[in-house]
Amino acid sequence: MNAQEWRATGGLTSLYTVRMLGLFMILPVFALYARDLPDATPLAIGLALGIYGLSQALLQIPFGIASDRWGRKPVIIAGLLLFAAGSLIAATASTLEWIIIGRALQGSGAIAAATNALLADLTRDSERTKAMLVLGIGIGASFMLALMLGPLFETIIGVPGIFALTAVLALVCIPILLWIVPAAPAPRAAHAGIAGDLRTVLSNPQLLRLDAGIFILHAILTGLFLALPGVLKDAVGLPEARHWALYLPVMLGSLLLTLPMIHLAERRGHLKLMFMSAVALLALSNAALLLLPPTLFAVAGVLFAFFAAFNLLEATLPSLISRICPQNLRGAGLGMYSSSQFMGAFAGGSLGGLTAQYFGSAGVFAGSAILALIWLFLAVGLEPPAARETVESVHS
């Protein structure tokens, strides 16, 4: 990558990492914290986790299209302010009902499509998967750090304090965007209008396969963190404050494996084989969580496989979307993709909570394995695009 590409990738990775840190810190501690709230039920807890994804899903497409027409940075700033406001509401809530409202407002700051589109604008096609992977590694690093800090911060400032910290971190992202990330190309509005933009991205079967894939991937991820903390505490016997000691080596090892695998697959033309293998690994890892005895080493091995597959898919999917979409429709295409991603998170939280209420963690793992098998069937018809060497928006 050239200097501008590294600056764009580094700046947007920093923005994403800082913004997501507080959001991720909630994951390992919220389900156990929410049990003690007066209106707690498994379904309500799952809804509180998943409602963020629903509001994200509803607004990614409008935010993405807005970024195509009025510029990426103004849309991202508006989303960060909404995210901070929702975090403050959740921080002051004393019931699950108000936490759900705050999480919904958090999710209305739907900047994923605009951020990914901005990164696509500032990188060449030949370098984009690498840039997306660096972004994914930053998110993964934030995720790992959050899994360590979440239980620690919960003992110091509590879950409300983590929500308040999340608001502060969102505001820190604004100067990162303005001062570090390079200027975006001028907006290029599509001539077909908003309805035409949507018809274009919704009529492409390859985009629809990828949208379905990201829906399933994040439904499975949310379901995992709905069921896994209880398994680790109650079945494995690992105290909540020590969960990070399992997550850290698993996530770090899986991230270190991701970069050479993607590089090798791209270089040898085996992208589809790697993609389908990762989807199959998702199914196998969830089946293993269901069938294997709940020992520390068994769970660690299964989680390593799960996150290796997750990281590969998380880096590859948005790169493929951006390479299929024309530049003036990237916001719309990535908006549909991001909507599918967060709708998956909502489905994973709400339906996962309902499943857990009646069938326990085993039902959640079984449902996730079935979803992964459905994705594997859909991925058979995937046609990865050939990489192009240049993009008009990148200056050497």
Protein backbone atom coordinates (compact mmCIF):
# COMPACT_ATOMS: atom_id res chain seq x y z
CA MET A 1 0.00 0.00 0.00
CA ASN A 2 1.13 3.55 -0.69
CA ALA A 3 1.37 6.33 1.90
CA GLN A 4 -2.22 7.55 1.47
CA GLU A 5 -3.57 4.02 1.72
CA TRP A 6 -1.64 3.38 4.94
CA ARG A 7 -2.84 6.68 6.41
CA ALA A 8 -6.46 5.95 5.48
CA THR A 9 -6.23 2.39 6.77
CA GLY A 10 -4.49 3.39 10.00
CA GLY A 11 -6.83 6.29 10.69
CA LEU A 12 -10.04 4.36 10.08
CA THR A 13 -8.71 1.35 11.98
CA SER A 14 -7.97 3.62 14.95
CA LEU A 15 -11.47 5.11 14.72
CA TYR A 16 -13.13 1.70 14.59
CA THR A 17 -10.92 0.31 17.36
CA VAL A 18 -11.66 3.17 19.77
CA ARG A 19 -15.40 3.23 18.98
CA MET A 20 -15.86 -0.51 19.33
CA LEU A 21 -13.82 -0.91 22.52
CA GLY A 22 -16.61 0.18 24.86
CA LEU A 23 -19.22 -1.66 22.84
CA PHE A 24 -17.24 -4.89 23.02
CA MET A 25 -16.52 -4.49 26.77
CA ILE A 26 -20.25 -4.96 27.38
CA LEU A 27 -20.36 -8.41 25.75
CA PRO A 28 -18.61 -10.57 28.38
CA VAL A 29 -20.29 -8.91 31.37
CA PHE A 30 -23.76 -7.79 30.34
CA ALA A 31 -25.66 -11.10 30.43
CA LEU A 32 -24.53 -11.82 34.00
CA TYR A 33 -25.12 -8.19 35.11
CA ALA A 34 -28.60 -8.09 33.58
CA ARG A 35 -29.77 -11.16 35.53
CA ASP A 36 -30.08 -8.97 38.64
CA LEU A 37 -32.19 -6.22 37.05
CA PRO A 38 -35.83 -6.13 38.18
CA ASP A 39 -37.36 -6.83 34.75
CA ALA A 40 -34.81 -9.47 33.64
CA THR A 41 -35.78 -12.51 31.56
CA PRO A 42 -33.57 -14.43 29.10
CA LEU A 43 -35.62 -12.99 26.22
CA ALA A 44 -35.27 -9.42 27.53
CA ILE A 45 -31.52 -9.85 28.04
CA GLY A 46 -31.17 -11.18 24.50
CA LEU A 47 -33.24 -8.26 23.19
CA ALA A 48 -31.02 -5.78 25.02
CA LEU A 49 -27.98 -7.32 23.35
CA GLY A 50 -29.61 -7.59 19.93
CA ILE A 51 -31.62 -4.34 19.64
CA TYR A 52 -28.40 -2.48 18.77
CA GLY A 53 -28.20 -4.63 15.67
CA LEU A 54 -31.82 -3.93 14.68
CA SER A 55 -31.43 -0.15 14.68
CA GLN A 56 -28.09 -0.49 12.90
CA ALA A 57 -29.79 -2.67 10.30
CA LEU A 58 -32.60 -0.19 9.69
CA LEU A 59 -30.29 2.79 9.22
CA GLN A 60 -27.18 1.45 7.46
CA ILE A 61 -28.78 1.79 4.02
CA PRO A 62 -29.98 5.41 4.52
CA PHE A 63 -26.61 6.36 6.04
CA GLY A 64 -24.74 4.62 3.21
CA ILE A 65 -26.79 6.34 0.50
CA ALA A 66 -26.41 9.67 2.31
CA SER A 67 -22.64 9.20 2.29
CA ASP A 68 -22.73 8.61 -1.49
CA ARG A 69 -24.47 11.95 -1.96
CA TRP A 70 -23.22 14.26 0.80
CA GLY A 71 -19.85 12.81 1.71
CA ARG A 72 -18.56 10.12 4.03
CA LYS A 73 -17.17 12.22 6.88
CA PRO A 74 -20.29 14.29 7.73
CA VAL A 75 -22.35 11.10 7.92
CA ILE A 76 -19.78 9.39 10.14
CA ILE A 77 -19.69 12.35 12.56
CA ALA A 78 -23.49 12.37 12.85
CA GLY A 79 -23.45 8.65 13.60
CA LEU A 80 -20.80 9.02 16.30
CA LEU A 81 -22.90 11.68 18.08
CA LEU A 82 -25.98 9.44 18.05
CA PHE A 83 -23.92 6.51 19.34
CA ALA A 84 -22.60 8.63 22.24
CA ALA A 85 -26.12 9.79 23.15
CA GLY A 86 -27.42 6.22 23.29
CA SER A 87 -24.48 5.16 25.45
CA LEU A 88 -25.31 7.87 27.98
CA ILE A 89 -28.94 6.75 28.18
CA ALA A 90 -27.84 3.16 28.83
CA ALA A 91 -25.36 4.40 31.44
CA THR A 92 -28.11 6.07 33.48
CA ALA A 93 -30.68 3.26 33.10
CA SER A 94 -31.82 1.20 36.07
CA THR A 95 -34.06 -1.23 34.14
CA LEU A 96 -33.63 -3.39 31.08
CA GLU A 97 -36.35 -1.40 29.34
CA TRP A 98 -34.25 1.77 29.41
CA ILE A 99 -31.09 -0.11 28.52
CA ILE A 100 -32.92 -1.43 25.46
CA ILE A 101 -33.86 2.16 24.52
CA GLY A 102 -30.26 3.30 24.96
CA ARG A 103 -28.91 0.38 22.96
CA ALA A 104 -31.39 1.14 20.18
CA LEU A 105 -30.18 4.76 20.03
CA GLN A 106 -26.57 3.54 20.09
CA GLY A 107 -27.36 1.49 17.02
CA SER A 108 -28.90 4.45 15.21
CA GLY A 109 -25.35 5.78 14.79
CA ALA A 110 -25.02 3.51 11.78
CA ILE A 111 -21.59 4.38 10.36
CA ALA A 112 -20.25 0.98 9.29
CA ALA A 113 -21.32 1.36 5.65
CA ALA A 114 -19.97 4.90 5.33
CA THR A 115 -16.69 3.93 7.04
CA ASN A 116 -16.13 0.87 4.85
CA ALA A 117 -17.06 2.89 1.77
CA LEU A 118 -14.54 5.58 2.75
CA LEU A 119 -11.82 2.95 3.13
CA ALA A 120 -12.78 1.52 -0.26
CA ASP A 121 -12.63 5.02 -1.80
CA LEU A 122 -9.08 5.52 -0.49
CA THR A 123 -7.58 2.15 -1.47
CA ARG A 124 -6.97 0.33 -4.74
CA ASP A 125 -8.82 -2.90 -5.43
CA SER A 126 -5.55 -4.82 -5.40
CA GLU A 127 -4.82 -3.60 -1.86
CA ARG A 128 -8.35 -3.50 -0.45
CA THR A 129 -8.56 -6.95 1.08
CA LYS A 130 -5.33 -6.20 2.95
CA ALA A 131 -6.76 -2.86 4.12
CA MET A 132 -9.99 -4.54 5.22
CA LEU A 133 -7.94 -7.18 7.01
CA VAL A 134 -5.93 -4.52 8.86
CA LEU A 135 -9.25 -2.94 9.82
CA GLY A 136 -10.47 -6.36 10.92
CA ILE A 137 -7.30 -6.94 12.94
CA GLY A 138 -7.85 -3.59 14.65
CA ILE A 139 -11.41 -4.60 15.49
CA GLY A 140 -10.12 -7.98 16.64
CA ALA A 141 -7.50 -6.30 18.82
CA SER A 142 -10.22 -4.08 20.27
CA PHE A 143 -12.32 -7.17 20.86
CA MET A 144 -9.48 -8.96 22.66
CA LEU A 145 -8.66 -5.93 24.79
CA ALA A 146 -12.35 -5.48 25.60
CA LEU A 147 -12.72 -9.09 26.70
CA MET A 148 -9.86 -8.52 29.15
CA LEU A 149 -10.92 -5.04 30.28
CA GLY A 150 -14.66 -5.70 30.44
CA PRO A 151 -14.60 -7.90 33.57
CA LEU A 152 -11.93 -5.67 35.13
CA PHE A 153 -13.81 -2.43 34.49
CA GLU A 154 -17.05 -4.06 35.63
CA THR A 155 -15.50 -4.54 39.08
CA ILE A 156 -14.27 -0.91 39.16
CA ILE A 157 -16.98 1.21 37.49
CA GLY A 158 -19.74 -1.33 36.86
CA VAL A 159 -21.66 -1.87 33.65
CA PRO A 160 -23.18 1.65 33.78
CA GLY A 161 -19.65 3.04 33.96
CA ILE A 162 -18.68 1.03 30.87
CA PHE A 163 -21.62 2.54 28.99
CA ALA A 164 -20.48 6.04 30.03
CA LEU A 165 -16.91 5.28 28.93
CA THR A 166 -18.29 4.11 25.59
CA ALA A 167 -19.83 7.57 25.05
CA VAL A 168 -16.50 9.27 25.75
CA LEU A 169 -14.66 6.97 23.34
CA ALA A 170 -17.19 7.72 20.58
CA LEU A 171 -16.49 11.45 20.92
CA VAL A 172 -12.72 10.81 20.79
CA CYS A 173 -13.26 9.32 17.32
CA ILE A 174 -14.34 12.65 15.80
CA PRO A 175 -10.87 14.31 15.87
CA ILE A 176 -9.35 11.05 14.59
CA LEU A 177 -11.65 11.24 11.57
CA LEU A 178 -11.04 14.94 10.93
CA TRP A 179 -7.28 15.13 11.51
CA ILE A 180 -5.87 11.73 10.59
CA VAL A 181 -8.04 10.18 7.86
CA PRO A 182 -7.32 11.69 4.41
CA ALA A 183 -9.96 13.72 2.60
CA ALA A 184 -12.48 11.59 0.76
CA PRO A 185 -13.15 11.93 -2.97
CA ALA A 186 -16.02 14.23 -3.89
CA PRO A 187 -19.41 12.50 -3.65
CA ARG A 188 -20.62 10.95 -6.91
CA ALA A 189 -24.38 10.60 -6.67
CA ALA A 190 -25.89 7.87 -8.83
CA HIS A 191 -28.20 9.04 -11.62
CA ALA A 192 -30.90 6.47 -10.89
CA GLY A 193 -32.01 8.03 -7.59
CA ILE A 194 -32.36 6.31 -4.24
CA ALA A 195 -34.90 3.76 -5.49
CA GLY A 196 -32.67 2.96 -8.46
CA ASP A 197 -29.63 2.54 -6.21
CA LEU A 198 -31.52 0.07 -4.06
CA ARG A 199 -32.82 -1.86 -7.08
CA THR A 200 -29.27 -2.16 -8.39
CA VAL A 201 -27.79 -3.59 -5.20
CA LEU A 202 -30.83 -5.80 -4.52
CA SER A 203 -30.88 -7.31 -8.02
CA ASN A 204 -27.30 -8.61 -7.91
CA PRO A 205 -27.32 -12.28 -6.80
CA GLN A 206 -23.66 -12.19 -5.79
CA LEU A 207 -24.27 -9.25 -3.45
CA LEU A 208 -27.29 -11.03 -1.99
CA ARG A 209 -25.21 -14.14 -1.24
CA LEU A 210 -22.70 -11.99 0.62
CA ASP A 211 -25.44 -10.11 2.47
CA ALA A 212 -26.97 -13.41 3.60
CA GLY A 213 -23.53 -14.55 4.72
CA ILE A 214 -22.83 -11.57 6.95
CA PHE A 215 -26.35 -11.89 8.44
CA ILE A 216 -25.62 -15.47 9.45
CA LEU A 217 -22.09 -14.72 10.66
CA HIS A 218 -23.19 -12.07 13.14
CA ALA A 219 -26.27 -13.98 14.24
CA ILE A 220 -23.91 -16.80 15.20
CA LEU A 221 -21.44 -14.44 16.95
CA THR A 222 -24.15 -12.77 19.05
CA GLY A 223 -25.66 -16.13 19.94
CA LEU A 224 -22.23 -17.37 21.00
CA PHE A 225 -21.75 -14.59 23.54
CA LEU A 226 -25.27 -15.01 24.79
CA ALA A 227 -24.64 -18.68 25.66
CA LEU A 228 -20.88 -18.98 26.17
CA PRO A 229 -20.32 -16.87 29.35
CA GLY A 230 -22.78 -19.03 31.29
CA VAL A 231 -21.14 -22.24 30.02
CA LEU A 232 -17.70 -21.00 31.03
CA LYS A 233 -18.89 -20.01 34.50
CA ASP A 234 -21.30 -22.83 35.32
CA ALA A 235 -20.05 -25.86 33.35
CA VAL A 236 -16.32 -25.21 32.88
CA GLY A 237 -15.96 -23.59 36.31
CA LEU A 238 -14.01 -20.57 35.05
CA PRO A 239 -14.74 -17.46 37.16
CA GLU A 240 -16.13 -14.51 35.24
CA ALA A 241 -13.11 -12.34 36.07
CA ARG A 242 -10.84 -14.96 34.40
CA HIS A 243 -12.71 -15.32 31.12
CA TRP A 244 -10.22 -12.96 29.48
CA ALA A 245 -7.43 -15.47 30.12
CA LEU A 246 -9.20 -17.84 27.74
CA TYR A 247 -10.25 -15.24 25.17
CA LEU A 248 -6.85 -13.55 24.83
CA PRO A 249 -4.69 -16.42 23.52
CA VAL A 250 -7.56 -17.77 21.42
CA MET A 251 -8.20 -14.44 19.69
CA LEU A 252 -4.51 -13.54 19.31
CA GLY A 253 -3.63 -16.92 17.83
CA SER A 254 -6.54 -16.85 15.40
CA LEU A 255 -5.66 -13.31 14.24
CA LEU A 256 -2.03 -14.27 13.60
CA LEU A 257 -3.27 -17.13 11.44
CA THR A 258 -5.61 -14.95 9.38
CA LEU A 259 -3.16 -12.71 7.48
CA PRO A 260 -0.99 -15.43 5.89
CA MET A 261 -4.07 -17.49 4.99
CA ILE A 262 -5.74 -14.60 3.15
CA HIS A 263 -2.47 -13.66 1.43
CA LEU A 264 -1.94 -17.24 0.28
CA ALA A 265 -5.53 -17.66 -0.90
CA GLU A 266 -5.45 -14.40 -2.90
CA ARG A 267 -2.04 -15.18 -4.40
CA ARG A 268 -2.94 -18.71 -5.52
CA GLY A 269 -6.50 -17.98 -6.58
CA HIS A 270 -8.07 -20.11 -3.83
CA LEU A 271 -10.25 -17.39 -2.31
CA LYS A 272 -13.50 -19.33 -2.76
CA LEU A 273 -11.97 -22.52 -1.30
CA MET A 274 -10.75 -20.60 1.75
CA PHE A 275 -14.13 -18.89 2.07
CA MET A 276 -16.14 -22.10 2.00
CA SER A 277 -13.69 -23.86 4.32
CA ALA A 278 -14.15 -21.06 6.85
CA VAL A 279 -17.95 -21.37 6.66
CA ALA A 280 -17.69 -25.14 7.17
CA LEU A 281 -15.42 -24.52 10.17
CA LEU A 282 -18.11 -22.30 11.71
CA ALA A 283 -20.58 -25.17 11.52
CA LEU A 284 -18.10 -27.68 12.94
CA SER A 285 -17.06 -25.43 15.84
CA ASN A 286 -20.64 -24.85 16.95
CA ALA A 287 -21.41 -28.56 16.67
CA ALA A 288 -18.32 -29.22 18.79
CA LEU A 289 -19.51 -26.80 21.50
CA LEU A 290 -22.73 -28.80 21.55
CA LEU A 291 -21.19 -32.30 21.57
CA LEU A 292 -17.80 -32.09 23.30
CA PRO A 293 -17.47 -32.25 27.10
CA PRO A 294 -17.25 -28.71 28.58
CA THR A 295 -13.58 -28.78 29.60
CA LEU A 296 -11.31 -25.75 29.43
CA PHE A 297 -9.00 -27.23 26.78
CA ALA A 298 -11.89 -28.44 24.62
CA VAL A 299 -13.61 -25.06 24.69
CA ALA A 300 -10.32 -23.25 23.98
CA GLY A 301 -9.62 -25.42 20.93
CA VAL A 302 -13.12 -24.95 19.57
CA LEU A 303 -13.02 -21.17 20.09
CA PHE A 304 -9.67 -20.98 18.29
CA ALA A 305 -11.24 -22.68 15.26
CA PHE A 306 -14.34 -20.50 15.49
CA PHE A 307 -12.45 -17.19 15.59
CA ALA A 308 -10.01 -18.23 12.86
CA ALA A 309 -13.02 -18.78 10.59
CA PHE A 310 -14.76 -15.63 11.82
CA ASN A 311 -11.73 -13.38 11.19
CA LEU A 312 -11.21 -14.76 7.67
CA LEU A 313 -14.84 -14.15 6.75
CA GLU A 314 -15.07 -10.75 8.45
CA ALA A 315 -12.11 -9.46 6.40
CA THR A 316 -13.12 -11.03 3.09
CA LEU A 317 -16.83 -10.17 2.91
CA PRO A 318 -16.65 -6.32 2.79
CA SER A 319 -13.74 -6.46 0.36
CA LEU A 320 -15.80 -8.59 -2.01
CA ILE A 321 -18.79 -6.24 -1.68
CA SER A 322 -16.68 -3.16 -2.50
CA ARG A 323 -15.14 -4.88 -5.54
CA ILE A 324 -18.51 -5.90 -6.97
CA CYS A 325 -20.23 -2.51 -6.46
CA PRO A 326 -19.49 0.47 -8.73
CA GLN A 327 -17.73 3.28 -6.87
CA ASN A 328 -20.77 5.57 -6.91
CA LEU A 329 -22.89 2.81 -5.30
CA ARG A 330 -20.43 1.59 -2.67
CA GLY A 331 -22.30 3.37 0.11
CA ALA A 332 -25.58 1.77 -0.97
CA GLY A 333 -24.02 -1.67 -1.45
CA LEU A 334 -22.13 -1.57 1.83
CA GLY A 335 -25.25 -0.14 3.47
CA MET A 336 -27.24 -3.21 2.49
CA TYR A 337 -24.34 -5.39 3.62
CA SER A 338 -24.06 -3.60 6.98
CA SER A 339 -27.84 -3.73 7.46
CA SER A 340 -27.69 -7.47 6.94
CA GLN A 341 -24.79 -7.68 9.42
CA PHE A 342 -26.62 -5.88 12.19
CA MET A 343 -29.94 -7.53 11.47
CA GLY A 344 -28.03 -10.74 12.02
CA ALA A 345 -26.83 -9.43 15.38
CA PHE A 346 -30.41 -8.58 16.31
CA ALA A 347 -31.64 -12.02 15.23
CA GLY A 348 -28.80 -13.71 17.10
CA GLY A 349 -29.60 -11.80 20.29
CA SER A 350 -33.40 -11.94 20.25
CA LEU A 351 -33.90 -15.42 18.78
CA GLY A 352 -30.88 -16.71 20.66
CA GLY A 353 -32.39 -15.43 23.90
CA LEU A 354 -35.71 -17.10 23.08
CA THR A 355 -33.90 -20.35 22.23
CA ALA A 356 -31.87 -20.19 25.44
CA GLN A 357 -35.02 -19.63 27.46
CA TYR A 358 -36.53 -22.92 26.27
CA PHE A 359 -33.58 -25.08 25.18
CA GLY A 360 -30.58 -23.68 27.02
CA SER A 361 -27.11 -23.07 25.60
CA ALA A 362 -27.22 -26.39 23.71
CA GLY A 363 -30.13 -25.09 21.64
CA VAL A 364 -28.19 -21.93 20.78
CA PHE A 365 -25.14 -23.89 19.60
CA ALA A 366 -27.31 -26.31 17.58
CA GLY A 367 -29.15 -23.43 15.89
CA SER A 368 -25.85 -21.74 15.02
CA ALA A 369 -24.49 -24.92 13.44
CA ILE A 370 -27.61 -25.22 11.28
CA LEU A 371 -27.32 -21.58 10.18
CA ALA A 372 -23.69 -22.15 9.15
CA LEU A 373 -24.71 -25.16 7.05
CA ILE A 374 -27.35 -23.05 5.29
CA TRP A 375 -24.65 -20.47 4.51
CA LEU A 376 -22.38 -23.19 3.15
CA PHE A 377 -25.12 -24.16 0.70
CA LEU A 378 -25.58 -20.53 -0.40
CA ALA A 379 -21.82 -20.02 -0.83
CA VAL A 380 -21.58 -22.71 -3.51
CA GLY A 381 -22.68 -20.19 -6.16
CA LEU A 382 -20.27 -17.45 -5.08
CA GLU A 383 -18.13 -15.99 -7.88
CA PRO A 384 -15.22 -13.94 -6.45
CA PRO A 385 -14.41 -10.96 -8.70
CA ALA A 386 -10.98 -10.53 -10.24
CA ALA A 387 -8.95 -7.82 -8.52
CA ARG A 388 -8.29 -4.63 -10.49
CA GLU A 389 -5.07 -2.74 -10.02
CA THR A 390 -6.24 0.83 -9.69
CA VAL A 391 -9.13 2.96 -8.51
CA GLU A 392 -9.77 6.50 -9.62
CA SER A 393 -9.91 7.79 -6.05
CA VAL A 394 -6.38 6.71 -5.05
CA HIS A 395 -3.43 8.98 -5.74
CA SER A 396 -0.01 7.41 -6.00
